[in-house]
Each structure stands twice: as structure tokens, then as C-alpha cells.
Amino acid sequence: MRQERVTRDNERQLVCRVLRQLGHSDLREVERFFRYFHSVAALRYASQRQCRQYVSGDTARQALLTAIELGRWAQRAPRPIYGTVVASHQIAESLMDDLRYRPQERLEALILDARHQVIERQTVFVGTLDSCPVHPREIFRLAVLAGGAAIVVAHNHPSGQAKPSTNDLAFMRRLARCGQLMGIPLLDGFVIGLRSYFSLREAEMLPLEQTVNQSEGLKSD
């Protein structure tokens, strides 16, 4: 969805567009709005009586005021924080509660900010009983869109065994290498069993040895 900022130059066009989508195609509705409020910004200081007089029982007008208020709230709403990652065992306990009884293999991605606070958590894939194919780009796309600084991934083994398979380790190493290149490191990777878990970091398989120069500047002729 294309986002467009409201300015003094385009606010009439935007109000007209919203009213048209709400079923009011008459340009007099736009003039009515600005006659009552003068500008979109001035609506913030309007009294309840003023708003009631503008709406006058019209559901589309009420929907317009609600939409403006919702947009204002979205601008000032704080980013949700789902918790702070302190240690592998702490996050593993939470993941075990969520994943160990799942009948299918499920891959979870946790996106963290620079303070290691979890700002996003999504199920990336739900697979068959013994497979869960997924590509690193799907995980890093989530991280980039969320403005993440690091990631943690976890998947369960419906068999109940937490021992990682050869494919598990290969996938998580590939994910770690991609994270190195993108500057969004993989902090840990988990395999969740019924009564135990496996952590790449606790197994000292993370972090990877640094293979790229992150501070190399741009060169020009």
C-alpha cells in the first residue's frame, strides 16, 4: 500500500480521496470538512460538539474522523517489545513451551533490535512431519522490514529428539553466513525437542569467525 504524507498542498486531495472511498463523491463534502476544521491538523483541537455537528449522523463522516484519529495514533504508538534476550537458556525455555508439542515441524524467527529486545516474532514455515524447507531470504526479509539488528531462529523436532540433523546444521550455518554479509547476525539457532533443546551458541558453533571486512569503505577511481 502506497503511503502519502498529508501536507498543506495535498490535504484537500487526500480528504477528497478518502471521502470518495467512503461513498461521498460530492465535492461539497470536502468543503464541509474544511469549513468545520479548516485543516486536518486543526481536527486535533476540535471539541466533541464541533465533531458531532460536522458528522450530523452521517456514518461516512464519522468514519473519516475515526480514520484520521487512527492514523495519528499509529504515528505516535511505541514499537512493541516482546522481551529482552539475555541468555540462550532463557529464550530456549520460552521456545520449548511453544514448540515442543507441535505435531509438525515449525520454524520460528525472532527479530531483535540493537539492545537484543525482541521486536518481531513470526512463524516462517510449517512443514511436514519431518521436513521444513525454507530459504534464508524469507527470514532476512522479515528482519529488514522490522528494522532488526540481529535474529534468532528455532524449529522443533516432532520426534521429540533435540539432536540437530546434518541438514539442520547446514541451514543454520548458511543463515549465519548470510547474516555476516548483511550485518544482521544470527545470535542463536535452536532445535527444540520434547524435554531438551540444542543451541548453536551453547555448542560454541556461534558466532562464526569473521570472514568479511565490515568497515571497508567505498573505493573510487
C-alpha atoms as a PDB file:
ATOM      1  CA  MET A   1       0.000   0.000   0.000  1.00  0.00           C
ATOM      2  CA  ARG A   2       1.408   3.395  -1.008  1.00  0.00           C
ATOM      3  CA  GLN A   3       1.827   5.794   1.885  1.00  0.00           C
ATOM      4  CA  GLU A   4       1.477   9.543   1.383  1.00  0.00           C
ATOM      5  CA  ARG A   5       2.152  12.268   3.921  1.00  0.00           C
ATOM      6  CA  VAL A   6      -0.504  14.907   4.481  1.00  0.00           C
ATOM      7  CA  THR A   7       0.760  18.402   3.648  1.00  0.00           C
ATOM      8  CA  ARG A   8      -0.930  21.773   3.187  1.00  0.00           C
ATOM      9  CA  ASP A   9      -0.594  21.290  -0.555  1.00  0.00           C
ATOM     10  CA  ASN A  10      -2.276  17.913  -0.809  1.00  0.00           C
ATOM     11  CA  GLU A  11      -4.580  17.586   2.209  1.00  0.00           C
ATOM     12  CA  ARG A  12      -7.706  18.563   0.264  1.00  0.00           C
ATOM     13  CA  GLN A  13      -6.978  15.959  -2.382  1.00  0.00           C
ATOM     14  CA  LEU A  14      -6.381  13.297   0.256  1.00  0.00           C
ATOM     15  CA  VAL A  15      -9.546  14.138   2.187  1.00  0.00           C
ATOM     16  CA  CYS A  16     -11.462  14.085  -1.095  1.00  0.00           C
ATOM     17  CA  ARG A  17     -10.000  10.675  -1.957  1.00  0.00           C
ATOM     18  CA  VAL A  18     -10.943   9.181   1.417  1.00  0.00           C
ATOM     19  CA  LEU A  19     -14.466  10.609   1.293  1.00  0.00           C
ATOM     20  CA  ARG A  20     -14.911   9.228  -2.204  1.00  0.00           C
ATOM     21  CA  GLN A  21     -13.854   5.771  -0.996  1.00  0.00           C
ATOM     22  CA  LEU A  22     -16.362   6.106   1.841  1.00  0.00           C
ATOM     23  CA  GLY A  23     -19.141   6.833  -0.647  1.00  0.00           C
ATOM     24  CA  HIS A  24     -19.159  10.646  -0.729  1.00  0.00           C
ATOM     25  CA  SER A  25     -18.253  11.779  -4.241  1.00  0.00           C
ATOM     26  CA  ASP A  26     -19.829  15.247  -3.869  1.00  0.00           C
ATOM     27  CA  LEU A  27     -17.101  17.914  -3.622  1.00  0.00           C
ATOM     28  CA  ARG A  28     -19.319  19.796  -1.203  1.00  0.00           C
ATOM     29  CA  GLU A  29     -18.413  17.175   1.402  1.00  0.00           C
ATOM     30  CA  VAL A  30     -14.783  18.245   1.178  1.00  0.00           C
ATOM     31  CA  GLU A  31     -15.788  21.886   1.633  1.00  0.00           C
ATOM     32  CA  ARG A  32     -17.929  20.896   4.625  1.00  0.00           C
ATOM     33  CA  PHE A  33     -14.953  19.224   6.313  1.00  0.00           C
ATOM     34  CA  PHE A  34     -12.706  22.265   5.896  1.00  0.00           C
ATOM     35  CA  ARG A  35     -15.475  24.636   6.885  1.00  0.00           C
ATOM     36  CA  TYR A  36     -15.699  22.901  10.256  1.00  0.00           C
ATOM     37  CA  PHE A  37     -11.997  22.142  10.869  1.00  0.00           C
ATOM     38  CA  HIS A  38     -10.004  24.439   8.483  1.00  0.00           C
ATOM     39  CA  SER A  39      -7.245  21.808   8.226  1.00  0.00           C
ATOM     40  CA  VAL A  40      -6.542  18.169   9.036  1.00  0.00           C
ATOM     41  CA  ALA A  41      -4.131  19.258  11.780  1.00  0.00           C
ATOM     42  CA  ALA A  42      -6.789  21.513  13.373  1.00  0.00           C
ATOM     43  CA  LEU A  43      -9.019  18.482  13.903  1.00  0.00           C
ATOM     44  CA  ARG A  44      -6.796  17.592  16.874  1.00  0.00           C
ATOM     45  CA  TYR A  45      -8.111  20.624  18.760  1.00  0.00           C
ATOM     46  CA  ALA A  46     -11.758  20.320  17.755  1.00  0.00           C
ATOM     47  CA  SER A  47     -14.334  19.913  20.517  1.00  0.00           C
ATOM     48  CA  GLN A  48     -16.687  16.952  20.726  1.00  0.00           C
ATOM     49  CA  ARG A  49     -19.585  19.290  19.989  1.00  0.00           C
ATOM     50  CA  GLN A  50     -17.848  20.534  16.856  1.00  0.00           C
ATOM     51  CA  CYS A  51     -17.246  16.958  15.702  1.00  0.00           C
ATOM     52  CA  ARG A  52     -20.864  15.974  16.366  1.00  0.00           C
ATOM     53  CA  GLN A  53     -22.095  18.952  14.372  1.00  0.00           C
ATOM     54  CA  TYR A  54     -19.828  18.025  11.477  1.00  0.00           C
ATOM     55  CA  VAL A  55     -20.895  14.357  11.489  1.00  0.00           C
ATOM     56  CA  SER A  56     -24.596  15.120  11.922  1.00  0.00           C
ATOM     57  CA  GLY A  57     -25.478  11.432  11.896  1.00  0.00           C
ATOM     58  CA  ASP A  58     -23.554  10.610   8.703  1.00  0.00           C
ATOM     59  CA  THR A  59     -21.609   7.344   9.068  1.00  0.00           C
ATOM     60  CA  ALA A  60     -19.106   8.192   6.308  1.00  0.00           C
ATOM     61  CA  ARG A  61     -18.166  11.463   8.023  1.00  0.00           C
ATOM     62  CA  GLN A  62     -17.731   9.615  11.303  1.00  0.00           C
ATOM     63  CA  ALA A  63     -15.558   7.034   9.541  1.00  0.00           C
ATOM     64  CA  LEU A  64     -13.358   9.831   8.178  1.00  0.00           C
ATOM     65  CA  LEU A  65     -12.770  11.282  11.659  1.00  0.00           C
ATOM     66  CA  THR A  66     -12.037   7.809  13.033  1.00  0.00           C
ATOM     67  CA  ALA A  67      -9.547   7.104  10.229  1.00  0.00           C
ATOM     68  CA  ILE A  68      -7.693  10.369  10.909  1.00  0.00           C
ATOM     69  CA  GLU A  69      -7.518   9.585  14.623  1.00  0.00           C
ATOM     70  CA  LEU A  70      -6.263   6.058  13.880  1.00  0.00           C
ATOM     71  CA  GLY A  71      -3.518   7.444  11.648  1.00  0.00           C
ATOM     72  CA  ARG A  72      -2.485   9.889  14.354  1.00  0.00           C
ATOM     73  CA  TRP A  73      -2.306   7.070  16.909  1.00  0.00           C
ATOM     74  CA  ALA A  74      -0.221   4.911  14.552  1.00  0.00           C
ATOM     75  CA  GLN A  75       2.357   7.700  14.255  1.00  0.00           C
ATOM     76  CA  ARG A  76       2.885   8.014  17.997  1.00  0.00           C
ATOM     77  CA  ALA A  77       2.396   4.380  19.024  1.00  0.00           C
ATOM     78  CA  PRO A  78       5.529   2.843  20.569  1.00  0.00           C
ATOM     79  CA  ARG A  79       7.192  -0.128  18.923  1.00  0.00           C
ATOM     80  CA  PRO A  80       6.051  -3.344  20.645  1.00  0.00           C
ATOM     81  CA  ILE A  81       8.714  -5.153  22.676  1.00  0.00           C
ATOM     82  CA  TYR A  82       8.168  -8.858  23.266  1.00  0.00           C
ATOM     83  CA  GLY A  83      11.006  -9.306  25.740  1.00  0.00           C
ATOM     84  CA  THR A  84      14.768  -8.997  26.003  1.00  0.00           C
ATOM     85  CA  VAL A  85      17.145 -11.829  25.139  1.00  0.00           C
ATOM     86  CA  VAL A  86      19.685 -12.206  27.940  1.00  0.00           C
ATOM     87  CA  ALA A  87      20.920 -15.792  27.555  1.00  0.00           C
ATOM     88  CA  SER A  88      20.302 -18.837  25.383  1.00  0.00           C
ATOM     89  CA  HIS A  89      18.669 -20.876  28.142  1.00  0.00           C
ATOM     90  CA  GLN A  90      16.218 -18.056  28.862  1.00  0.00           C
ATOM     91  CA  ILE A  91      14.880 -17.892  25.311  1.00  0.00           C
ATOM     92  CA  ALA A  92      15.035 -21.684  24.908  1.00  0.00           C
ATOM     93  CA  GLU A  93      12.662 -22.190  27.828  1.00  0.00           C
ATOM     94  CA  SER A  94      10.107 -19.909  26.218  1.00  0.00           C
ATOM     95  CA  LEU A  95      10.510 -21.616  22.844  1.00  0.00           C
ATOM     96  CA  MET A  96      10.118 -25.070  24.383  1.00  0.00           C
ATOM     97  CA  ASP A  97       6.805 -24.056  25.925  1.00  0.00           C
ATOM     98  CA  ASP A  98       5.564 -23.012  22.481  1.00  0.00           C
ATOM     99  CA  LEU A  99       7.064 -25.634  20.185  1.00  0.00           C
ATOM    100  CA  ARG A 100       7.778 -28.973  21.843  1.00  0.00           C
ATOM    101  CA  TYR A 101       4.250 -30.395  21.487  1.00  0.00           C
ATOM    102  CA  ARG A 102       3.702 -29.258  17.908  1.00  0.00           C
ATOM    103  CA  PRO A 103       2.821 -32.205  15.633  1.00  0.00           C
ATOM    104  CA  GLN A 104       4.592 -30.639  12.626  1.00  0.00           C
ATOM    105  CA  GLU A 105       7.968 -29.055  12.211  1.00  0.00           C
ATOM    106  CA  ARG A 106       7.668 -25.301  12.642  1.00  0.00           C
ATOM    107  CA  LEU A 107      10.334 -22.678  12.020  1.00  0.00           C
ATOM    108  CA  GLU A 108      10.175 -19.523  14.141  1.00  0.00           C
ATOM    109  CA  ALA A 109      12.146 -16.322  13.534  1.00  0.00           C
ATOM    110  CA  LEU A 110      12.730 -13.762  16.260  1.00  0.00           C
ATOM    111  CA  ILE A 111      13.883 -10.310  15.182  1.00  0.00           C
ATOM    112  CA  LEU A 112      15.914  -8.313  17.724  1.00  0.00           C
ATOM    113  CA  ASP A 113      16.925  -4.683  17.952  1.00  0.00           C
ATOM    114  CA  ALA A 114      20.379  -3.416  18.907  1.00  0.00           C
ATOM    115  CA  ARG A 115      19.573  -3.914  22.611  1.00  0.00           C
ATOM    116  CA  HIS A 116      18.588  -7.545  21.978  1.00  0.00           C
ATOM    117  CA  GLN A 117      14.938  -6.788  22.575  1.00  0.00           C
ATOM    118  CA  VAL A 118      12.567  -8.974  20.527  1.00  0.00           C
ATOM    119  CA  ILE A 119      10.635  -6.594  18.275  1.00  0.00           C
ATOM    120  CA  GLU A 120       9.072  -9.189  15.969  1.00  0.00           C
ATOM    121  CA  ARG A 121       8.320 -12.899  16.075  1.00  0.00           C
ATOM    122  CA  GLN A 122       6.860 -14.861  13.194  1.00  0.00           C
ATOM    123  CA  THR A 123       6.304 -18.420  12.137  1.00  0.00           C
ATOM    124  CA  VAL A 124       8.225 -18.595   8.875  1.00  0.00           C
ATOM    125  CA  PHE A 125       7.180 -22.090   7.822  1.00  0.00           C
ATOM    126  CA  VAL A 126       5.113 -25.060   8.941  1.00  0.00           C
ATOM    127  CA  GLY A 127       6.332 -28.244   7.284  1.00  0.00           C
ATOM    128  CA  THR A 128       5.589 -31.913   7.091  1.00  0.00           C
ATOM    129  CA  LEU A 129       6.285 -34.312   9.934  1.00  0.00           C
ATOM    130  CA  ASP A 130       9.989 -34.465   9.134  1.00  0.00           C
ATOM    131  CA  SER A 131      10.868 -31.553   6.862  1.00  0.00           C
ATOM    132  CA  CYS A 132      10.699 -27.790   6.836  1.00  0.00           C
ATOM    133  CA  PRO A 133      12.220 -26.277   3.676  1.00  0.00           C
ATOM    134  CA  VAL A 134      12.818 -22.531   3.872  1.00  0.00           C
ATOM    135  CA  HIS A 135      15.202 -20.033   2.294  1.00  0.00           C
ATOM    136  CA  PRO A 136      17.316 -17.509   4.268  1.00  0.00           C
ATOM    137  CA  ARG A 137      15.919 -14.633   2.208  1.00  0.00           C
ATOM    138  CA  GLU A 138      12.485 -15.168   3.757  1.00  0.00           C
ATOM    139  CA  ILE A 139      13.928 -14.704   7.241  1.00  0.00           C
ATOM    140  CA  PHE A 140      16.142 -11.732   6.432  1.00  0.00           C
ATOM    141  CA  ARG A 141      13.280 -10.051   4.597  1.00  0.00           C
ATOM    142  CA  LEU A 142      11.402 -10.042   7.906  1.00  0.00           C
ATOM    143  CA  ALA A 143      14.455  -8.661   9.701  1.00  0.00           C
ATOM    144  CA  VAL A 144      14.954  -5.840   7.209  1.00  0.00           C
ATOM    145  CA  LEU A 145      11.275  -4.833   7.203  1.00  0.00           C
ATOM    146  CA  ALA A 146      11.230  -4.786  11.010  1.00  0.00           C
ATOM    147  CA  GLY A 147      14.462  -2.785  11.227  1.00  0.00           C
ATOM    148  CA  GLY A 148      16.153  -5.632  13.086  1.00  0.00           C
ATOM    149  CA  ALA A 149      19.782  -5.704  14.197  1.00  0.00           C
ATOM    150  CA  ALA A 150      20.001  -9.480  14.791  1.00  0.00           C
ATOM    151  CA  ILE A 151      17.950 -12.653  14.521  1.00  0.00           C
ATOM    152  CA  VAL A 152      17.317 -15.887  16.396  1.00  0.00           C
ATOM    153  CA  VAL A 153      15.764 -18.930  14.724  1.00  0.00           C
ATOM    154  CA  ALA A 154      14.257 -22.063  16.198  1.00  0.00           C
ATOM    155  CA  HIS A 155      12.467 -25.136  14.965  1.00  0.00           C
ATOM    156  CA  ASN A 156      11.045 -28.175  16.676  1.00  0.00           C
ATOM    157  CA  HIS A 157      11.511 -31.892  16.041  1.00  0.00           C
ATOM    158  CA  PRO A 158       8.157 -33.678  16.318  1.00  0.00           C
ATOM    159  CA  SER A 159      10.104 -36.849  17.135  1.00  0.00           C
ATOM    160  CA  GLY A 160      10.961 -35.240  20.473  1.00  0.00           C
ATOM    161  CA  GLN A 161      14.725 -35.507  19.894  1.00  0.00           C
ATOM    162  CA  ALA A 162      16.639 -32.236  20.068  1.00  0.00           C
ATOM    163  CA  LYS A 163      19.714 -33.510  18.225  1.00  0.00           C
ATOM    164  CA  PRO A 164      20.225 -31.421  15.068  1.00  0.00           C
ATOM    165  CA  SER A 165      20.380 -33.210  11.758  1.00  0.00           C
ATOM    166  CA  THR A 166      23.062 -32.618   9.151  1.00  0.00           C
ATOM    167  CA  ASN A 167      20.567 -30.510   7.192  1.00  0.00           C
ATOM    168  CA  ASP A 168      19.697 -28.506  10.318  1.00  0.00           C
ATOM    169  CA  LEU A 169      23.309 -27.573  10.909  1.00  0.00           C
ATOM    170  CA  ALA A 170      23.942 -26.790   7.249  1.00  0.00           C
ATOM    171  CA  PHE A 171      20.911 -24.500   7.100  1.00  0.00           C
ATOM    172  CA  MET A 172      21.821 -22.612  10.283  1.00  0.00           C
ATOM    173  CA  ARG A 173      25.434 -22.176   9.188  1.00  0.00           C
ATOM    174  CA  ARG A 174      24.204 -20.821   5.875  1.00  0.00           C
ATOM    175  CA  LEU A 175      21.906 -18.467   7.759  1.00  0.00           C
ATOM    176  CA  ALA A 176      24.821 -17.308   9.917  1.00  0.00           C
ATOM    177  CA  ARG A 177      26.976 -16.608   6.852  1.00  0.00           C
ATOM    178  CA  CYS A 178      24.167 -14.614   5.259  1.00  0.00           C
ATOM    179  CA  GLY A 179      23.816 -12.662   8.486  1.00  0.00           C
ATOM    180  CA  GLN A 180      27.521 -11.813   8.411  1.00  0.00           C
ATOM    181  CA  LEU A 181      27.215 -10.393   4.923  1.00  0.00           C
ATOM    182  CA  MET A 182      24.085  -8.403   5.711  1.00  0.00           C
ATOM    183  CA  GLY A 183      25.212  -7.115   9.086  1.00  0.00           C
ATOM    184  CA  ILE A 184      22.257  -8.805  10.787  1.00  0.00           C
ATOM    185  CA  PRO A 185      23.953 -11.617  12.726  1.00  0.00           C
ATOM    186  CA  LEU A 186      22.357 -14.875  13.748  1.00  0.00           C
ATOM    187  CA  LEU A 187      22.661 -14.735  17.533  1.00  0.00           C
ATOM    188  CA  ASP A 188      21.491 -18.300  18.107  1.00  0.00           C
ATOM    189  CA  GLY A 189      19.784 -21.207  16.437  1.00  0.00           C
ATOM    190  CA  PHE A 190      17.704 -23.723  18.358  1.00  0.00           C
ATOM    191  CA  VAL A 191      16.374 -27.218  17.834  1.00  0.00           C
ATOM    192  CA  ILE A 192      13.530 -27.874  20.243  1.00  0.00           C
ATOM    193  CA  GLY A 193      12.801 -31.379  21.493  1.00  0.00           C
ATOM    194  CA  LEU A 194      10.253 -32.686  23.955  1.00  0.00           C
ATOM    195  CA  ARG A 195      12.415 -32.428  27.079  1.00  0.00           C
ATOM    196  CA  SER A 196      15.595 -30.715  25.875  1.00  0.00           C
ATOM    197  CA  TYR A 197      16.923 -28.297  23.329  1.00  0.00           C
ATOM    198  CA  PHE A 198      20.031 -27.724  21.231  1.00  0.00           C
ATOM    199  CA  SER A 199      21.625 -24.266  20.982  1.00  0.00           C
ATOM    200  CA  LEU A 200      24.284 -23.357  18.427  1.00  0.00           C
ATOM    201  CA  ARG A 201      25.701 -20.716  20.757  1.00  0.00           C
ATOM    202  CA  GLU A 202      25.893 -23.061  23.743  1.00  0.00           C
ATOM    203  CA  ALA A 203      27.565 -25.625  21.474  1.00  0.00           C
ATOM    204  CA  GLU A 204      30.115 -22.886  20.607  1.00  0.00           C
ATOM    205  CA  MET A 205      29.174 -23.016  16.931  1.00  0.00           C
ATOM    206  CA  LEU A 206      28.262 -19.325  17.033  1.00  0.00           C
ATOM    207  CA  PRO A 207      29.409 -16.706  16.407  1.00  0.00           C
ATOM    208  CA  LEU A 208      31.204 -17.644  13.196  1.00  0.00           C
ATOM    209  CA  GLU A 209      34.733 -16.465  12.634  1.00  0.00           C
ATOM    210  CA  GLN A 210      34.708 -13.080  10.957  1.00  0.00           C
ATOM    211  CA  THR A 211      35.307 -13.525   7.220  1.00  0.00           C
ATOM    212  CA  VAL A 212      34.318 -10.119   5.840  1.00  0.00           C
ATOM    213  CA  ASN A 213      35.641  -6.650   6.488  1.00  0.00           C
ATOM    214  CA  GLN A 214      32.570  -4.764   7.674  1.00  0.00           C
ATOM    215  CA  SER A 215      34.404  -1.422   7.815  1.00  0.00           C
ATOM    216  CA  GLU A 216      35.813  -1.432   4.285  1.00  0.00           C
ATOM    217  CA  GLY A 217      34.980   1.868   2.644  1.00  0.00           C
ATOM    218  CA  LEU A 218      33.773   2.557  -0.865  1.00  0.00           C
ATOM    219  CA  LYS A 219      36.515   2.958  -3.429  1.00  0.00           C
ATOM    220  CA  SER A 220      36.511   5.227  -6.435  1.00  0.00           C
ATOM    221  CA  ASP A 221      38.907   5.770  -9.285  1.00  0.00           C
END
